[in-house]
Amino acid sequence: MIRRQFLLGAAATVAFAVTHPAFAADTIKVGLVLPMSGPFSQYGQQMQNGIKLFMKEHGDTVAGKKIELVIKDDGGIAPDRARRAVQDLIVRDKVDILAGFTFTASALAAAPMAKEAEKAMIVMNASSSGITEASPYMIRIGQTLPQITEPAGRYAGEQGFKTIYTVVADITAGHDAEAAFIRGLKSTGGEVAGSLRVPAQNPDFAPFVQRIKDAKPNAVFAWLPPGEAAINFIKEFNQRGLAAEGIVMLGTGDLTDELTITQTGDAGLGVVTTGHYSMAHKSAKNEAFVKAYLADYPNEKWPNFLSVSAYDGMAVLYHGLEKTKGDASGPVITEALKGEKIESPRGPIEIDAKNRDIVQTIYVRKVEKVDGRFANVEFHEFPESRDSAAAK
């Protein structure tokens, strides 16, 4: 009963907050939900860096309103903790806008409260298909797994690989990636020889990689969270001799993000991935972004897709507030951002006017050494890519 009364009280407080328009205040509070501790803390740090870099370049005032950040740590893949963080942000901190959300579990945990309180949610990374349906005020600016993964399947089929194994983390995003890759592969006449699912945290890859080696496929598609899991898989793949036997490793950009390939070293050379951002992307805007990032965060080595998505999330937020003349209320700013287009360090991006999801170019890249550094070098692209699964 006590818990029920607490939740009812919290809901009442949220409802009360809705009746007070955000544009009446001189400060707009942005509540950020990021993994700042635990095994995924590096993700949160990259995103925080991107956010702070944008605000350094563009100031902390937009449409006459000062932007104040309130950061809450969700610890990674922990929906209950994310739910508590969002409740605190809405009820206690009285934020006007929610942002961040590295993982789908966190975004979906937050969505009902954001919907009830009519708070805009800028999802900077959570990538499972169709999550913007969970709240009419949710806008995704990062990526979707089907969007970046189905092209990998099409590419694999076009290369004529006859037998392919898939290896994915056993979480919602991994399942999405597996389904999208297979869908893309089958669209070009290819077939999957076998599928493996591994724990998302601290997996022992040895038995899985050995099973793949024994099957002798032409290629392996992998979707694993960037960081330790991706690093260990790439190293195990090479140590057990799969690369030496000519088995090609394919994946999404998560597998070879900039932080990962600095640690895999030569073992990562030749890995082909599809993704929406590479530090090696050739454009004046990206060159300026990378230069500024490295100047501010020299110990971080270089930015990756997380810092870019967070940077772009703030760009979209500022554009929205400029359009609404500082009105941060969920219904108003969400409507203003439908169809919004901006030029990002990753290339042109757009918010789909129908489902508030990201539209962007997906690049096919290969890990190469460029000027002594490992980089994802782009060699093909799929422009104006959407969430293919949500469109079906």
Protein backbone atom coordinates (compact mmCIF):
# COMPACT_ATOMS: atom_id res chain seq x y z
CA MET A 1 0.00 0.00 0.00
CA ILE A 2 2.85 2.37 0.88
CA ARG A 3 4.46 1.73 -2.51
CA ARG A 4 1.15 2.30 -4.29
CA GLN A 5 0.62 5.61 -2.49
CA PHE A 6 4.16 6.70 -3.34
CA LEU A 7 3.67 5.94 -7.01
CA LEU A 8 0.31 7.72 -7.04
CA GLY A 9 1.93 10.71 -5.37
CA ALA A 10 4.73 10.72 -7.92
CA ALA A 11 2.23 10.54 -10.77
CA ALA A 12 0.30 13.44 -9.29
CA THR A 13 3.47 15.49 -9.06
CA VAL A 14 4.26 14.71 -12.70
CA ALA A 15 0.77 15.69 -13.79
CA PHE A 16 1.11 18.95 -11.84
CA ALA A 17 4.37 19.69 -13.65
CA VAL A 18 2.60 19.43 -17.00
CA THR A 19 0.34 22.36 -16.16
CA HIS A 20 3.32 24.71 -15.85
CA PRO A 21 4.74 25.47 -19.34
CA ALA A 22 8.51 25.13 -19.63
CA PHE A 23 8.75 28.37 -21.60
CA ALA A 24 7.71 30.40 -18.53
CA ALA A 25 11.11 29.85 -16.89
CA ASP A 26 14.45 31.41 -17.81
CA THR A 27 16.23 28.05 -17.52
CA ILE A 28 15.54 24.84 -19.41
CA LYS A 29 16.64 21.74 -17.52
CA VAL A 30 17.78 18.77 -19.59
CA GLY A 31 17.85 15.48 -17.69
CA LEU A 32 20.50 13.11 -19.05
CA VAL A 33 20.27 9.37 -18.35
CA LEU A 34 23.70 7.85 -19.06
CA PRO A 35 25.78 4.87 -17.88
CA MET A 36 28.44 6.71 -15.88
CA SER A 37 29.47 3.69 -13.80
CA GLY A 38 29.82 -0.04 -14.32
CA PRO A 39 30.99 -1.97 -17.39
CA PHE A 40 29.52 0.55 -19.84
CA SER A 41 30.81 3.73 -18.18
CA GLN A 42 32.97 4.49 -21.22
CA TYR A 43 29.77 4.80 -23.26
CA GLY A 44 28.44 7.42 -20.89
CA GLN A 45 31.73 9.31 -20.92
CA GLN A 46 31.77 9.45 -24.72
CA MET A 47 28.21 10.77 -24.78
CA GLN A 48 28.87 13.32 -22.05
CA ASN A 49 31.93 14.52 -23.97
CA GLY A 50 29.88 15.01 -27.14
CA ILE A 51 27.21 16.96 -25.27
CA LYS A 52 29.70 19.24 -23.54
CA LEU A 53 31.63 19.83 -26.76
CA PHE A 54 28.48 20.97 -28.53
CA MET A 55 27.60 23.35 -25.70
CA LYS A 56 31.15 24.73 -25.65
CA GLU A 57 30.90 25.50 -29.37
CA HIS A 58 27.34 26.85 -29.34
CA GLY A 59 26.97 28.25 -25.84
CA ASP A 60 24.64 27.34 -23.00
CA THR A 61 21.86 29.69 -24.04
CA VAL A 62 19.31 29.14 -26.79
CA ALA A 63 16.21 31.19 -27.60
CA GLY A 64 16.98 33.33 -24.57
CA LYS A 65 16.93 30.33 -22.21
CA LYS A 66 19.89 28.99 -20.27
CA ILE A 67 20.44 25.23 -20.68
CA GLU A 68 21.14 23.36 -17.44
CA LEU A 69 22.21 19.70 -17.50
CA VAL A 70 21.20 17.24 -14.78
CA ILE A 71 22.99 13.90 -15.18
CA LYS A 72 21.72 10.63 -13.70
CA ASP A 73 23.65 7.35 -13.83
CA ASP A 74 21.61 4.31 -14.92
CA GLY A 75 24.57 1.94 -14.60
CA GLY A 76 24.13 0.37 -18.04
CA ILE A 77 21.57 -2.31 -18.92
CA ALA A 78 19.45 -1.73 -15.80
CA PRO A 79 15.85 -0.72 -16.60
CA ASP A 80 14.76 -0.48 -12.95
CA ARG A 81 17.59 1.90 -12.20
CA ALA A 82 16.80 3.93 -15.33
CA ARG A 83 13.16 4.10 -14.27
CA ARG A 84 14.12 5.48 -10.85
CA ALA A 85 16.50 7.97 -12.45
CA VAL A 86 13.80 9.30 -14.77
CA GLN A 87 11.28 9.52 -11.94
CA ASP A 88 13.78 11.58 -9.93
CA LEU A 89 14.47 13.82 -12.91
CA ILE A 90 10.79 14.53 -13.52
CA VAL A 91 9.49 14.72 -9.95
CA ARG A 92 12.40 16.03 -7.89
CA ASP A 93 14.62 17.85 -10.39
CA LYS A 94 11.68 19.06 -12.49
CA VAL A 95 13.52 18.76 -15.79
CA ASP A 96 11.90 20.00 -18.97
CA ILE A 97 13.47 17.54 -21.43
CA LEU A 98 14.89 14.02 -21.11
CA ALA A 99 17.89 12.84 -23.14
CA GLY A 100 20.61 10.22 -23.35
CA PHE A 101 19.41 6.59 -23.15
CA THR A 102 22.27 4.41 -24.29
CA PHE A 103 20.30 1.16 -24.15
CA THR A 104 16.83 0.17 -25.30
CA ALA A 105 15.91 -1.14 -21.84
CA SER A 106 16.49 2.31 -20.35
CA ALA A 107 14.55 4.11 -23.08
CA LEU A 108 11.55 1.79 -22.79
CA ALA A 109 11.59 2.05 -18.98
CA ALA A 110 11.48 5.84 -19.25
CA ALA A 111 8.89 6.12 -22.01
CA PRO A 112 5.68 5.69 -19.95
CA MET A 113 6.74 8.42 -17.50
CA ALA A 114 7.83 10.75 -20.31
CA LYS A 115 4.50 10.19 -22.01
CA GLU A 116 2.52 10.82 -18.81
CA ALA A 117 4.48 13.98 -18.01
CA GLU A 118 4.56 15.12 -21.65
CA LYS A 119 8.34 15.40 -21.67
CA ALA A 120 10.32 15.26 -24.91
CA MET A 121 12.81 12.36 -24.99
CA ILE A 122 15.91 12.73 -27.16
CA VAL A 123 17.17 9.15 -27.56
CA MET A 124 20.85 9.37 -28.43
CA ASN A 125 21.68 5.70 -28.93
CA ALA A 126 19.12 3.03 -27.87
CA SER A 127 18.78 1.13 -31.11
CA SER A 128 16.00 -1.47 -31.05
CA SER A 129 13.42 -1.14 -33.78
CA GLY A 130 10.28 0.91 -33.32
CA ILE A 131 10.90 2.27 -29.83
CA THR A 132 9.60 5.73 -30.75
CA GLU A 133 6.13 4.15 -30.67
CA ALA A 134 6.44 3.95 -26.86
CA SER A 135 5.87 7.69 -26.46
CA PRO A 136 4.59 10.37 -28.84
CA TYR A 137 7.30 12.66 -27.45
CA MET A 138 10.26 10.38 -28.19
CA ILE A 139 12.74 11.35 -30.91
CA ARG A 140 15.65 9.12 -31.85
CA ILE A 141 18.85 10.68 -33.14
CA GLY A 142 21.33 7.79 -32.92
CA GLN A 143 20.68 4.69 -34.99
CA THR A 144 18.48 1.64 -35.28
CA LEU A 145 19.90 -1.85 -35.47
CA PRO A 146 17.84 -2.86 -38.53
CA GLN A 147 18.89 0.37 -40.23
CA ILE A 148 22.61 -0.38 -39.97
CA THR A 149 22.42 -4.18 -40.05
CA GLU A 150 20.23 -5.05 -43.02
CA PRO A 151 22.78 -3.41 -45.38
CA ALA A 152 25.43 -5.74 -43.89
CA GLY A 153 23.29 -8.71 -44.92
CA ARG A 154 22.80 -7.34 -48.41
CA TYR A 155 26.51 -6.69 -48.74
CA ALA A 156 27.30 -10.26 -47.61
CA GLY A 157 24.90 -11.71 -50.15
CA GLU A 158 26.30 -9.57 -52.93
CA GLN A 159 29.80 -10.87 -52.15
CA GLY A 160 28.59 -14.40 -52.87
CA PHE A 161 29.24 -15.90 -49.43
CA LYS A 162 27.52 -19.30 -49.41
CA THR A 163 27.68 -20.14 -45.69
CA ILE A 164 27.51 -17.56 -42.91
CA TYR A 165 27.28 -17.88 -39.13
CA THR A 166 25.77 -15.16 -36.93
CA VAL A 167 26.93 -14.39 -33.38
CA VAL A 168 24.99 -11.82 -31.35
CA ALA A 169 24.66 -10.68 -27.74
CA ASP A 170 21.59 -12.21 -26.11
CA ILE A 171 19.71 -8.95 -25.54
CA THR A 172 16.91 -7.23 -27.46
CA ALA A 173 19.28 -5.22 -29.64
CA GLY A 174 21.24 -8.36 -30.51
CA HIS A 175 18.07 -10.18 -31.53
CA ASP A 176 17.12 -7.21 -33.73
CA ALA A 177 20.53 -7.27 -35.38
CA GLU A 178 20.36 -11.00 -36.05
CA ALA A 179 16.92 -10.72 -37.67
CA ALA A 180 17.89 -7.71 -39.78
CA PHE A 181 21.10 -9.29 -41.05
CA ILE A 182 19.28 -12.48 -42.04
CA ARG A 183 16.57 -10.43 -43.76
CA GLY A 184 19.16 -8.51 -45.77
CA LEU A 185 21.07 -11.68 -46.61
CA LYS A 186 17.98 -13.52 -47.81
CA SER A 187 17.00 -10.56 -50.00
CA THR A 188 20.10 -11.33 -52.08
CA GLY A 189 19.61 -15.10 -52.07
CA GLY A 190 21.96 -15.93 -49.19
CA GLU A 191 21.34 -18.29 -46.27
CA VAL A 192 22.57 -18.53 -42.67
CA ALA A 193 24.33 -21.77 -41.74
CA GLY A 194 23.94 -21.29 -37.99
CA SER A 195 23.16 -18.72 -35.30
CA LEU A 196 24.72 -18.31 -31.85
CA ARG A 197 23.67 -16.06 -28.96
CA VAL A 198 26.13 -15.16 -26.21
CA PRO A 199 25.80 -13.37 -22.84
CA ALA A 200 25.95 -9.58 -23.16
CA GLN A 201 28.41 -9.20 -20.30
CA ASN A 202 31.68 -11.09 -19.71
CA PRO A 203 31.10 -13.98 -22.14
CA ASP A 204 33.66 -16.73 -22.69
CA PHE A 205 33.92 -16.75 -26.48
CA ALA A 206 36.21 -19.78 -26.77
CA PRO A 207 33.52 -22.49 -27.15
CA PHE A 208 31.44 -20.34 -29.51
CA VAL A 209 34.37 -19.49 -31.77
CA GLN A 210 35.47 -23.12 -31.82
CA ARG A 211 31.99 -24.19 -32.98
CA ILE A 212 32.21 -21.69 -35.81
CA LYS A 213 35.68 -22.86 -36.79
CA ASP A 214 34.52 -26.48 -36.89
CA ALA A 215 31.63 -25.50 -39.21
CA LYS A 216 34.05 -23.82 -41.68
CA PRO A 217 31.72 -21.04 -42.94
CA ASN A 218 32.76 -18.45 -45.53
CA ALA A 219 31.98 -15.58 -43.17
CA VAL A 220 30.80 -14.68 -39.67
CA PHE A 221 28.47 -11.80 -38.83
CA ALA A 222 28.78 -10.50 -35.26
CA TRP A 223 26.81 -7.99 -33.24
CA LEU A 224 28.30 -7.30 -29.81
CA PRO A 225 28.35 -4.17 -27.64
CA PRO A 226 31.46 -2.08 -28.27
CA GLY A 227 34.18 -2.44 -25.69
CA GLU A 228 35.35 -5.55 -23.89
CA ALA A 229 33.00 -8.02 -25.59
CA ALA A 230 33.88 -6.88 -29.10
CA ILE A 231 37.60 -6.75 -28.30
CA ASN A 232 37.65 -10.26 -26.85
CA PHE A 233 35.66 -11.72 -29.74
CA ILE A 234 37.96 -10.26 -32.39
CA LYS A 235 41.04 -11.47 -30.53
CA GLU A 236 39.59 -14.96 -29.99
CA PHE A 237 38.61 -15.13 -33.66
CA ASN A 238 42.22 -14.50 -34.65
CA GLN A 239 43.88 -16.60 -31.95
CA ARG A 240 41.88 -19.65 -33.02
CA GLY A 241 42.97 -19.13 -36.61
CA LEU A 242 39.66 -18.29 -38.28
CA ALA A 243 41.05 -15.23 -40.05
CA ALA A 244 44.07 -17.23 -41.21
CA GLU A 245 41.70 -19.80 -42.72
CA GLY A 246 40.05 -17.07 -44.80
CA ILE A 247 36.82 -16.77 -42.79
CA VAL A 248 35.67 -13.16 -43.21
CA MET A 249 34.41 -11.23 -40.20
CA LEU A 250 31.42 -8.95 -40.79
CA GLY A 251 29.56 -6.78 -38.31
CA THR A 252 27.98 -3.47 -37.50
CA GLY A 253 29.93 -0.43 -36.41
CA ASP A 254 29.56 -1.50 -32.78
CA LEU A 255 32.11 -4.23 -33.45
CA THR A 256 34.86 -1.90 -34.67
CA ASP A 257 34.11 1.43 -33.07
CA GLU A 258 37.11 3.72 -32.62
CA LEU A 259 37.71 2.71 -29.02
CA THR A 260 37.64 -1.00 -29.87
CA ILE A 261 40.05 -1.05 -32.80
CA THR A 262 42.73 0.77 -30.85
CA GLN A 263 42.81 -2.24 -28.51
CA THR A 264 42.39 -5.06 -31.02
CA GLY A 265 45.37 -3.82 -33.03
CA ASP A 266 46.28 -5.82 -36.12
CA ALA A 267 43.69 -8.47 -35.20
CA GLY A 268 40.99 -6.05 -36.35
CA LEU A 269 42.46 -5.37 -39.79
CA GLY A 270 40.14 -6.35 -42.63
CA VAL A 271 36.95 -6.52 -40.56
CA VAL A 272 34.06 -5.17 -42.66
CA THR A 273 31.24 -3.35 -40.92
CA THR A 274 28.24 -1.17 -41.67
CA GLY A 275 27.68 1.92 -39.57
CA HIS A 276 26.60 5.52 -39.42
CA TYR A 277 29.84 7.12 -38.22
CA SER A 278 33.57 6.76 -38.67
CA MET A 279 36.19 9.16 -37.37
CA ALA A 280 37.75 8.79 -40.83
CA HIS A 281 34.60 10.11 -42.56
CA LYS A 282 35.72 12.69 -45.10
CA SER A 283 33.92 15.99 -44.63
CA ALA A 284 34.90 19.44 -43.40
CA LYS A 285 32.40 19.22 -40.54
CA ASN A 286 33.77 15.91 -39.32
CA GLU A 287 37.36 17.08 -39.55
CA ALA A 288 36.46 20.10 -37.41
CA PHE A 289 34.55 17.91 -34.95
CA VAL A 290 37.42 15.44 -34.53
CA LYS A 291 39.97 18.23 -34.12
CA ALA A 292 37.87 19.95 -31.43
CA TYR A 293 37.15 16.68 -29.63
CA LEU A 294 40.81 15.67 -29.48
CA ALA A 295 41.76 19.14 -28.24
CA ASP A 296 39.26 18.97 -25.38
CA TYR A 297 39.65 15.27 -24.53
CA PRO A 298 43.20 14.23 -25.47
CA ASN A 299 43.12 11.25 -23.11
CA GLU A 300 40.06 9.78 -24.89
CA LYS A 301 42.15 9.10 -28.04
CA TRP A 302 39.26 9.89 -30.42
CA PRO A 303 35.48 10.18 -30.68
CA ASN A 304 33.17 7.36 -31.71
CA PHE A 305 29.54 6.99 -32.77
CA LEU A 306 28.30 7.61 -29.22
CA SER A 307 29.92 11.02 -28.86
CA VAL A 308 28.68 12.02 -32.32
CA SER A 309 25.11 10.93 -31.59
CA ALA A 310 25.12 12.87 -28.32
CA TYR A 311 26.60 15.91 -30.09
CA ASP A 312 23.86 15.67 -32.72
CA GLY A 313 21.22 15.17 -30.03
CA MET A 314 22.10 18.56 -28.58
CA ALA A 315 22.12 20.09 -32.07
CA VAL A 316 18.58 18.82 -32.65
CA LEU A 317 17.50 20.04 -29.22
CA TYR A 318 18.86 23.54 -29.90
CA HIS A 319 17.20 23.62 -33.33
CA GLY A 320 13.90 22.64 -31.76
CA LEU A 321 14.09 25.32 -29.07
CA GLU A 322 14.97 27.95 -31.66
CA LYS A 323 11.90 26.94 -33.68
CA THR A 324 9.61 27.05 -30.63
CA LYS A 325 11.18 30.26 -29.29
CA GLY A 326 12.16 28.50 -26.10
CA ASP A 327 9.02 26.43 -25.51
CA ALA A 328 10.35 23.08 -24.23
CA SER A 329 6.99 21.39 -23.65
CA GLY A 330 6.91 17.90 -25.14
CA PRO A 331 4.04 18.27 -27.62
CA VAL A 332 5.34 21.58 -28.98
CA ILE A 333 9.02 20.77 -29.41
CA THR A 334 8.30 17.28 -30.78
CA GLU A 335 6.01 18.69 -33.44
CA ALA A 336 8.59 21.33 -34.35
CA LEU A 337 11.29 18.71 -34.88
CA LYS A 338 9.35 16.43 -37.24
CA GLY A 339 11.14 16.45 -40.56
CA GLU A 340 14.09 18.42 -39.16
CA LYS A 341 17.31 18.14 -41.18
CA ILE A 342 20.82 18.95 -40.01
CA GLU A 343 24.35 18.43 -41.29
CA SER A 344 26.19 16.22 -38.81
CA PRO A 345 29.84 15.16 -38.57
CA ARG A 346 28.53 11.79 -39.82
CA GLY A 347 26.78 13.34 -42.83
CA PRO A 348 23.20 14.53 -43.45
CA ILE A 349 20.58 13.36 -40.94
CA GLU A 350 16.83 13.84 -40.72
CA ILE A 351 14.04 13.15 -38.23
CA ASP A 352 11.32 11.17 -39.97
CA ALA A 353 8.14 13.24 -39.81
CA LYS A 354 5.97 10.13 -39.44
CA ASN A 355 7.68 8.13 -36.70
CA ARG A 356 10.24 10.60 -35.25
CA ASP A 357 13.06 8.17 -36.03
CA ILE A 358 16.47 8.83 -37.53
CA VAL A 359 17.08 8.88 -41.30
CA GLN A 360 20.75 8.85 -42.33
CA THR A 361 23.45 7.43 -44.59
CA ILE A 362 24.81 4.00 -43.69
CA TYR A 363 28.39 3.32 -44.78
CA VAL A 364 30.20 0.05 -45.54
CA ARG A 365 33.71 0.29 -44.07
CA LYS A 366 36.84 -1.81 -43.65
CA VAL A 367 39.37 -1.56 -40.82
CA GLU A 368 42.65 -0.31 -42.26
CA LYS A 369 45.74 1.46 -40.99
CA VAL A 370 45.77 5.12 -42.02
CA ASP A 371 48.74 7.31 -41.07
CA GLY A 372 49.68 4.85 -38.36
CA ARG A 373 46.16 4.69 -36.87
CA PHE A 374 43.48 2.06 -37.20
CA ALA A 375 40.39 3.45 -38.93
CA ASN A 376 37.07 2.40 -40.44
CA VAL A 377 37.60 3.43 -44.06
CA GLU A 378 34.33 3.93 -45.94
CA PHE A 379 34.03 2.48 -49.44
CA HIS A 380 30.28 2.23 -50.12
CA GLU A 381 27.13 3.90 -48.82
CA PHE A 382 23.37 3.49 -48.50
CA PRO A 383 21.91 7.03 -48.38
CA GLU A 384 18.65 7.99 -46.62
CA SER A 385 18.45 4.71 -44.73
CA ARG A 386 15.48 4.19 -42.40
CA ASP A 387 14.45 1.64 -39.80
CA SER A 388 13.53 -1.10 -42.27
CA ALA A 389 11.89 -3.31 -39.64
CA ALA A 390 9.55 -0.56 -38.44
CA ALA A 391 8.55 0.16 -42.03
CA LYS A 392 7.31 -3.40 -42.56
